[in-house]
N, C-alpha and C. Protein backbone atom coordinates (compact mmCIF):
# COMPACT_ATOMS: atom_id res chain seq x y z
N MET A 1 89.47 -103.17 -2.27
CA MET A 1 88.85 -101.80 -1.91
C MET A 1 87.49 -101.78 -1.27
N PRO A 2 87.55 -101.31 0.00
CA PRO A 2 86.32 -101.28 0.70
C PRO A 2 85.37 -100.54 -0.26
N TYR A 3 84.16 -100.83 -0.23
CA TYR A 3 83.21 -100.04 -0.80
C TYR A 3 81.84 -100.50 0.19
N TYR A 4 80.82 -98.99 0.36
CA TYR A 4 79.87 -98.98 1.48
C TYR A 4 78.89 -98.25 0.63
N PHE A 5 77.70 -98.49 1.50
CA PHE A 5 76.41 -97.94 0.72
C PHE A 5 75.57 -97.86 1.91
N PHE A 6 74.72 -96.35 1.92
CA PHE A 6 73.70 -96.25 3.04
C PHE A 6 73.00 -95.35 2.43
N THR A 7 71.61 -95.19 3.10
CA THR A 7 70.76 -94.22 2.58
C THR A 7 70.37 -93.12 3.62
N ILE A 8 69.76 -92.07 3.02
CA ILE A 8 69.49 -91.07 3.95
C ILE A 8 68.03 -90.54 3.41
N ARG A 9 67.06 -89.95 4.51
CA ARG A 9 65.87 -89.36 3.93
C ARG A 9 66.13 -87.92 4.20
N SER A 10 65.70 -87.24 3.05
CA SER A 10 65.92 -85.80 3.05
C SER A 10 64.18 -85.25 3.36
N THR A 11 64.22 -84.14 4.35
CA THR A 11 62.93 -83.92 4.97
C THR A 11 62.29 -82.59 4.17
N LYS A 12 63.08 -81.89 3.21
CA LYS A 12 62.86 -80.62 2.60
C LYS A 12 63.05 -80.80 1.11
N ARG A 13 62.25 -79.78 0.36
CA ARG A 13 62.61 -79.95 -1.06
C ARG A 13 64.11 -79.55 -1.31
N SER A 14 64.58 -78.54 -0.70
CA SER A 14 65.83 -78.31 -0.99
C SER A 14 66.38 -78.03 0.61
N GLN A 15 67.72 -79.18 0.76
CA GLN A 15 68.51 -79.16 2.15
C GLN A 15 70.01 -79.69 1.72
N PHE A 16 70.78 -79.21 2.56
CA PHE A 16 72.11 -80.06 2.80
C PHE A 16 72.06 -80.81 4.13
N ILE A 17 72.49 -82.03 3.64
CA ILE A 17 72.31 -82.84 4.92
C ILE A 17 73.95 -83.49 5.19
N ASP A 18 74.47 -83.12 6.34
CA ASP A 18 75.93 -83.46 6.82
C ASP A 18 76.00 -84.87 6.99
N VAL A 19 76.98 -85.77 5.84
CA VAL A 19 77.08 -87.06 5.96
C VAL A 19 78.48 -87.30 6.52
N SER A 20 79.20 -86.06 6.87
CA SER A 20 80.63 -86.68 7.39
C SER A 20 80.85 -87.51 8.44
N GLY A 21 79.89 -87.54 9.44
CA GLY A 21 80.10 -88.72 10.28
C GLY A 21 79.95 -89.94 9.93
N THR A 22 78.84 -90.40 9.14
CA THR A 22 78.63 -91.40 8.56
C THR A 22 80.03 -92.03 7.64
N VAL A 23 80.31 -91.18 6.81
CA VAL A 23 81.55 -91.34 5.73
C VAL A 23 82.88 -91.74 6.78
N LEU A 24 82.97 -90.82 7.71
CA LEU A 24 84.05 -90.93 8.57
C LEU A 24 84.00 -92.63 9.05
N GLN A 25 82.86 -93.07 9.77
CA GLN A 25 83.04 -94.24 10.40
C GLN A 25 83.18 -95.50 9.37
N TYR A 26 82.76 -95.25 7.90
CA TYR A 26 83.06 -96.02 6.91
C TYR A 26 84.86 -96.00 6.84
N VAL A 27 85.24 -95.10 6.79
CA VAL A 27 86.82 -94.87 6.56
C VAL A 27 87.40 -95.54 7.47
N ARG A 28 86.94 -95.27 8.90
CA ARG A 28 87.81 -96.15 10.02
C ARG A 28 87.50 -97.57 10.01
N SER A 29 86.31 -98.05 9.47
CA SER A 29 86.13 -99.47 9.47
C SER A 29 86.90 -100.27 8.31
N SER A 30 87.49 -99.46 7.35
CA SER A 30 88.17 -100.08 6.29
C SER A 30 89.42 -100.16 6.56
N ASN A 31 89.90 -99.72 7.67
CA ASN A 31 91.32 -99.86 8.22
C ASN A 31 92.37 -99.30 7.44
N ILE A 32 91.88 -98.46 6.54
CA ILE A 32 92.80 -97.89 5.48
C ILE A 32 93.49 -96.53 6.00
N LYS A 33 94.62 -96.64 6.17
CA LYS A 33 95.48 -95.23 7.27
C LYS A 33 95.66 -94.13 5.79
N GLU A 34 96.05 -94.67 4.76
CA GLU A 34 96.52 -93.46 3.80
C GLU A 34 95.98 -93.93 2.41
N GLY A 35 95.26 -92.77 1.92
CA GLY A 35 94.48 -93.18 0.64
C GLY A 35 93.43 -92.00 0.26
N LEU A 36 92.30 -92.56 -0.24
CA LEU A 36 91.34 -91.72 -0.93
C LEU A 36 90.08 -92.19 -0.40
N CYS A 37 89.07 -91.22 -0.33
CA CYS A 37 87.61 -91.57 0.26
C CYS A 37 87.11 -90.88 -1.20
N HIS A 38 86.02 -91.53 -1.90
CA HIS A 38 85.32 -91.30 -2.97
C HIS A 38 83.75 -91.41 -2.28
N VAL A 39 82.85 -89.96 -2.51
CA VAL A 39 81.53 -90.25 -2.14
C VAL A 39 80.66 -89.97 -2.81
N TYR A 40 79.80 -90.67 -3.53
CA TYR A 40 78.88 -90.51 -4.62
C TYR A 40 77.40 -90.59 -4.50
N VAL A 41 76.66 -89.80 -5.15
CA VAL A 41 75.04 -90.24 -5.11
C VAL A 41 74.79 -90.26 -6.53
N PRO A 42 74.01 -91.32 -6.77
CA PRO A 42 73.38 -91.86 -8.30
C PRO A 42 72.02 -91.32 -8.46
N HIS A 43 72.13 -89.84 -8.19
CA HIS A 43 70.79 -89.22 -8.40
C HIS A 43 71.04 -88.16 -9.49
N THR A 44 69.74 -87.59 -10.23
CA THR A 44 70.04 -86.60 -11.14
C THR A 44 69.47 -85.37 -10.54
N THR A 45 68.88 -85.21 -9.24
CA THR A 45 68.44 -84.29 -8.89
C THR A 45 69.21 -83.96 -7.33
N ALA A 46 70.06 -84.54 -6.87
CA ALA A 46 70.95 -84.45 -5.62
C ALA A 46 72.30 -84.60 -5.89
N GLY A 47 73.11 -83.88 -5.33
CA GLY A 47 74.60 -83.66 -5.23
C GLY A 47 75.31 -84.02 -4.06
N VAL A 48 76.72 -83.90 -4.21
CA VAL A 48 77.41 -83.87 -3.00
C VAL A 48 78.39 -82.55 -3.22
N THR A 49 78.73 -82.14 -1.96
CA THR A 49 79.78 -81.04 -1.95
C THR A 49 80.36 -81.11 -0.41
N ILE A 50 81.55 -80.35 -0.53
CA ILE A 50 82.27 -80.23 0.83
C ILE A 50 82.26 -78.59 0.82
N ASN A 51 81.85 -78.30 2.14
CA ASN A 51 81.80 -76.89 2.31
C ASN A 51 81.76 -76.80 3.98
N GLU A 52 81.62 -75.33 4.37
CA GLU A 52 81.38 -75.27 6.02
C GLU A 52 80.42 -76.05 6.48
N SER A 53 80.77 -76.80 7.68
CA SER A 53 79.68 -77.29 8.45
C SER A 53 79.62 -76.93 9.88
N ALA A 54 80.52 -75.42 9.84
CA ALA A 54 80.27 -75.28 11.46
C ALA A 54 79.44 -74.19 11.62
N ASP A 55 78.87 -73.54 10.67
CA ASP A 55 77.98 -72.62 10.70
C ASP A 55 76.91 -72.61 9.86
N PRO A 56 75.67 -72.93 10.27
CA PRO A 56 74.57 -73.54 9.51
C PRO A 56 74.20 -72.16 8.49
N ASP A 57 74.44 -71.08 8.76
CA ASP A 57 74.06 -69.85 7.97
C ASP A 57 74.83 -70.13 6.29
N VAL A 58 76.12 -70.69 6.42
CA VAL A 58 76.84 -70.89 5.08
C VAL A 58 75.92 -71.85 4.37
N VAL A 59 75.27 -72.90 4.79
CA VAL A 59 74.52 -73.67 4.33
C VAL A 59 73.00 -72.78 3.41
N HIS A 60 72.59 -72.06 4.57
CA HIS A 60 71.60 -71.36 4.28
C HIS A 60 71.66 -70.53 2.90
N ASP A 61 72.97 -69.65 3.17
CA ASP A 61 73.29 -68.77 1.96
C ASP A 61 73.26 -69.54 0.87
N ILE A 62 73.91 -70.58 0.65
CA ILE A 62 74.25 -71.27 -0.48
C ILE A 62 72.81 -71.75 -1.08
N LEU A 63 72.06 -72.37 -0.23
CA LEU A 63 70.56 -72.59 -0.71
C LEU A 63 69.97 -71.40 -1.34
N VAL A 64 69.83 -70.37 -0.72
CA VAL A 64 69.34 -69.07 -1.15
C VAL A 64 69.78 -68.51 -2.48
N ARG A 65 71.16 -68.47 -2.50
CA ARG A 65 71.99 -68.13 -3.66
C ARG A 65 71.43 -68.99 -4.95
N LEU A 66 71.47 -70.44 -4.79
CA LEU A 66 71.27 -71.43 -5.75
C LEU A 66 69.75 -71.03 -6.20
N SER A 67 68.72 -70.88 -5.35
CA SER A 67 67.37 -70.66 -5.74
C SER A 67 67.13 -69.27 -6.47
N ARG A 68 67.89 -68.39 -6.10
CA ARG A 68 67.98 -67.28 -6.92
C ARG A 68 68.71 -67.07 -8.58
N LEU A 69 69.55 -67.93 -8.54
CA LEU A 69 70.31 -68.31 -9.74
C LEU A 69 69.58 -69.15 -10.59
N VAL A 70 68.67 -70.31 -10.02
CA VAL A 70 68.25 -71.17 -10.65
C VAL A 70 66.86 -71.29 -9.80
N PRO A 71 65.79 -70.41 -10.60
CA PRO A 71 64.35 -70.52 -9.79
C PRO A 71 63.76 -71.87 -10.07
N ASP A 72 62.94 -72.15 -9.41
CA ASP A 72 62.04 -73.37 -9.55
C ASP A 72 60.88 -73.53 -10.75
N ARG A 73 60.43 -72.15 -11.00
CA ARG A 73 59.50 -71.87 -12.06
C ARG A 73 60.02 -70.87 -13.20
N GLU A 74 60.64 -71.53 -14.22
CA GLU A 74 61.31 -70.86 -15.31
C GLU A 74 60.66 -70.98 -16.71
N GLY A 75 59.71 -71.83 -16.75
CA GLY A 75 59.26 -72.14 -18.17
C GLY A 75 60.26 -73.38 -18.82
N TYR A 76 60.68 -74.26 -17.86
CA TYR A 76 61.29 -75.49 -18.15
C TYR A 76 60.34 -76.06 -19.03
N ARG A 77 61.20 -77.04 -19.79
CA ARG A 77 60.50 -77.82 -20.83
C ARG A 77 60.17 -79.54 -20.02
N HIS A 78 61.14 -79.70 -19.35
CA HIS A 78 61.03 -80.84 -18.63
C HIS A 78 59.75 -81.28 -17.77
N ALA A 79 58.92 -82.16 -18.27
CA ALA A 79 57.14 -82.55 -17.75
C ALA A 79 57.25 -82.57 -16.12
N GLU A 80 58.38 -83.19 -15.68
CA GLU A 80 58.27 -83.51 -14.26
C GLU A 80 58.22 -82.13 -13.20
N GLY A 81 58.62 -81.28 -13.76
CA GLY A 81 58.43 -80.12 -13.00
C GLY A 81 59.66 -79.56 -12.08
N ASN A 82 60.84 -80.37 -12.28
CA ASN A 82 62.08 -80.37 -11.44
C ASN A 82 63.20 -80.06 -12.21
N SER A 83 63.27 -79.42 -13.18
CA SER A 83 64.52 -78.96 -13.95
C SER A 83 65.21 -78.37 -13.06
N ASP A 84 64.92 -77.25 -12.09
CA ASP A 84 65.64 -76.44 -11.34
C ASP A 84 66.50 -77.42 -10.53
N ALA A 85 66.01 -78.55 -10.18
CA ALA A 85 66.88 -79.63 -9.39
C ALA A 85 67.59 -80.36 -10.07
N HIS A 86 67.63 -80.41 -11.33
CA HIS A 86 68.66 -81.11 -12.22
C HIS A 86 69.64 -80.33 -12.60
N ILE A 87 69.31 -79.02 -12.77
CA ILE A 87 70.38 -77.90 -12.94
C ILE A 87 71.34 -77.81 -11.59
N LYS A 88 70.66 -77.64 -10.42
CA LYS A 88 71.25 -77.29 -9.04
C LYS A 88 72.23 -78.68 -9.03
N ALA A 89 71.69 -79.74 -9.12
CA ALA A 89 72.31 -80.95 -8.95
C ALA A 89 73.82 -80.97 -9.88
N SER A 90 73.57 -80.56 -11.11
CA SER A 90 74.72 -80.48 -12.14
C SER A 90 75.88 -79.39 -11.71
N LEU A 91 75.26 -78.38 -11.00
CA LEU A 91 76.26 -77.30 -10.49
C LEU A 91 77.22 -77.96 -9.24
N MET A 92 76.44 -78.77 -8.37
CA MET A 92 77.24 -79.23 -7.37
C MET A 92 78.05 -80.52 -7.73
N GLY A 93 77.62 -81.06 -8.48
CA GLY A 93 78.32 -82.28 -9.06
C GLY A 93 77.87 -83.50 -8.14
N SER A 94 78.01 -84.81 -8.66
CA SER A 94 77.63 -86.08 -8.22
C SER A 94 78.53 -86.76 -7.12
N SER A 95 79.60 -86.22 -6.88
CA SER A 95 80.59 -86.84 -6.18
C SER A 95 81.62 -86.08 -5.55
N ALA A 96 82.59 -86.32 -4.61
CA ALA A 96 83.59 -85.77 -3.89
C ALA A 96 84.62 -86.65 -3.48
N MET A 97 85.75 -86.31 -3.79
CA MET A 97 86.93 -86.87 -3.47
C MET A 97 87.52 -86.38 -2.12
N VAL A 98 88.07 -87.11 -1.02
CA VAL A 98 88.81 -86.64 0.02
C VAL A 98 89.84 -87.35 0.22
N PRO A 99 90.78 -86.91 0.66
CA PRO A 99 92.27 -87.68 1.31
C PRO A 99 91.82 -88.29 2.32
N VAL A 100 92.62 -89.39 2.53
CA VAL A 100 92.49 -90.22 3.92
C VAL A 100 94.02 -90.02 4.19
N HIS A 101 94.12 -89.43 5.39
CA HIS A 101 95.42 -89.53 6.05
C HIS A 101 95.16 -90.00 7.60
N GLU A 102 96.11 -91.02 8.13
CA GLU A 102 96.01 -91.66 9.51
C GLU A 102 95.01 -92.00 9.59
N GLY A 103 94.06 -92.60 8.98
CA GLY A 103 93.02 -93.05 9.30
C GLY A 103 91.66 -92.18 9.28
N ASN A 104 91.90 -90.90 8.92
CA ASN A 104 90.88 -90.02 9.23
C ASN A 104 90.55 -89.12 7.72
N LEU A 105 89.50 -88.46 7.62
CA LEU A 105 89.28 -87.67 6.55
C LEU A 105 90.14 -86.63 6.83
N ALA A 106 90.71 -86.04 5.80
CA ALA A 106 91.75 -85.06 5.78
C ALA A 106 90.87 -83.60 5.27
N LEU A 107 89.87 -83.56 6.03
CA LEU A 107 88.89 -82.37 5.63
C LEU A 107 89.58 -81.44 6.74
N GLY A 108 89.40 -80.06 6.13
CA GLY A 108 89.88 -78.57 6.71
C GLY A 108 88.93 -78.42 7.93
N THR A 109 89.59 -77.83 8.99
CA THR A 109 88.58 -77.30 10.34
C THR A 109 87.29 -77.52 10.11
N TRP A 110 86.73 -76.42 9.33
CA TRP A 110 85.43 -76.21 9.06
C TRP A 110 84.79 -76.86 8.05
N GLN A 111 85.21 -77.88 7.39
CA GLN A 111 84.75 -78.41 6.43
C GLN A 111 83.95 -79.73 6.64
N GLY A 112 82.62 -80.05 5.90
CA GLY A 112 81.90 -81.17 5.86
C GLY A 112 81.50 -81.54 4.81
N ILE A 113 80.94 -83.00 4.42
CA ILE A 113 80.65 -83.50 3.35
C ILE A 113 79.18 -83.29 3.67
N PHE A 114 78.49 -83.12 2.58
CA PHE A 114 76.96 -82.80 2.26
C PHE A 114 76.38 -83.55 1.20
N LEU A 115 75.29 -84.24 1.46
CA LEU A 115 74.54 -84.58 0.26
C LEU A 115 73.34 -83.25 0.12
N CYS A 116 73.52 -82.92 -1.08
CA CYS A 116 72.84 -81.95 -1.54
C CYS A 116 71.25 -82.29 -2.14
N GLU A 117 70.13 -81.98 -1.51
CA GLU A 117 68.91 -82.48 -1.80
C GLU A 117 68.28 -81.28 -2.66
N PHE A 118 67.71 -81.44 -3.71
CA PHE A 118 66.99 -80.30 -4.45
C PHE A 118 65.68 -80.84 -5.10
N ASP A 119 65.18 -82.07 -4.47
CA ASP A 119 63.97 -82.54 -5.18
C ASP A 119 63.10 -83.55 -4.12
N GLY A 120 63.32 -83.12 -2.85
CA GLY A 120 62.74 -83.83 -1.70
C GLY A 120 61.49 -83.35 -1.32
N PRO A 121 61.21 -83.96 -0.26
CA PRO A 121 61.69 -85.07 0.39
C PRO A 121 61.70 -86.19 -0.39
N ARG A 122 62.91 -87.15 -0.14
CA ARG A 122 63.17 -88.39 -0.77
C ARG A 122 64.09 -89.20 -0.01
N GLN A 123 64.19 -90.43 -0.18
CA GLN A 123 65.26 -91.20 0.13
C GLN A 123 66.27 -91.41 -0.88
N ARG A 124 67.47 -90.96 -0.26
CA ARG A 124 68.71 -90.95 -1.21
C ARG A 124 69.64 -91.84 -0.93
N SER A 125 70.30 -92.46 -2.07
CA SER A 125 71.47 -93.62 -1.82
C SER A 125 72.86 -92.92 -2.02
N ILE A 126 73.81 -93.45 -1.07
CA ILE A 126 75.15 -92.69 -1.09
C ILE A 126 76.25 -93.85 -0.92
N TYR A 127 77.09 -93.63 -1.98
CA TYR A 127 78.01 -94.79 -2.17
C TYR A 127 79.46 -94.35 -1.70
N VAL A 128 80.30 -95.01 -0.77
CA VAL A 128 81.35 -94.55 -0.43
C VAL A 128 82.54 -95.56 -0.71
N THR A 129 83.45 -95.16 -1.41
CA THR A 129 84.72 -96.18 -1.66
C THR A 129 85.78 -95.72 -1.00
N VAL A 130 86.59 -96.33 -0.28
CA VAL A 130 87.76 -96.21 0.28
C VAL A 130 89.10 -96.90 -0.35
N MET A 131 90.04 -96.13 -0.83
CA MET A 131 91.13 -96.67 -1.76
C MET A 131 92.34 -96.54 -0.72
N ASP A 132 93.19 -97.38 -0.86
CA ASP A 132 94.23 -97.48 -0.23
C ASP A 132 95.44 -96.77 -1.07
N SER A 133 96.27 -95.79 -0.56
CA SER A 133 97.34 -95.50 -1.42
C SER A 133 98.44 -96.33 -1.52
N GLY A 134 98.52 -97.44 -1.05
CA GLY A 134 99.73 -98.43 -0.99
C GLY A 134 100.72 -97.95 -0.28
N ALA A 135 101.06 -96.99 0.19
CA ALA A 135 102.02 -96.30 1.17
C ALA A 135 102.14 -97.20 2.39
């Protein structure tokens, strides 16, 4: 089962970074034609999501709504001052699973895979596992 790892550096406290192209490169280099691709981030203040990648206003709107739902200063008890980042990461989740069909990610026309940064700027790790369906 092919396993890959890469890092990416965020440049803002909160941002979505489209990692679809890098993930697709790993899927293609695996030579797996049918199966699943698992994308995982081992961080408690970052997440992974699949959403629209064609219009950057969608990412902007998600970040604005998350900041309203989970403000950065709400009297949280966590001493590091980044409780909002932990909550937002929990809401997004730490992984995503995408089908692989004919050697490509089976994403919808407008979909992309995003690293969701909530406590940047930082260097983040991303793990990609490509699993063969055996078909």
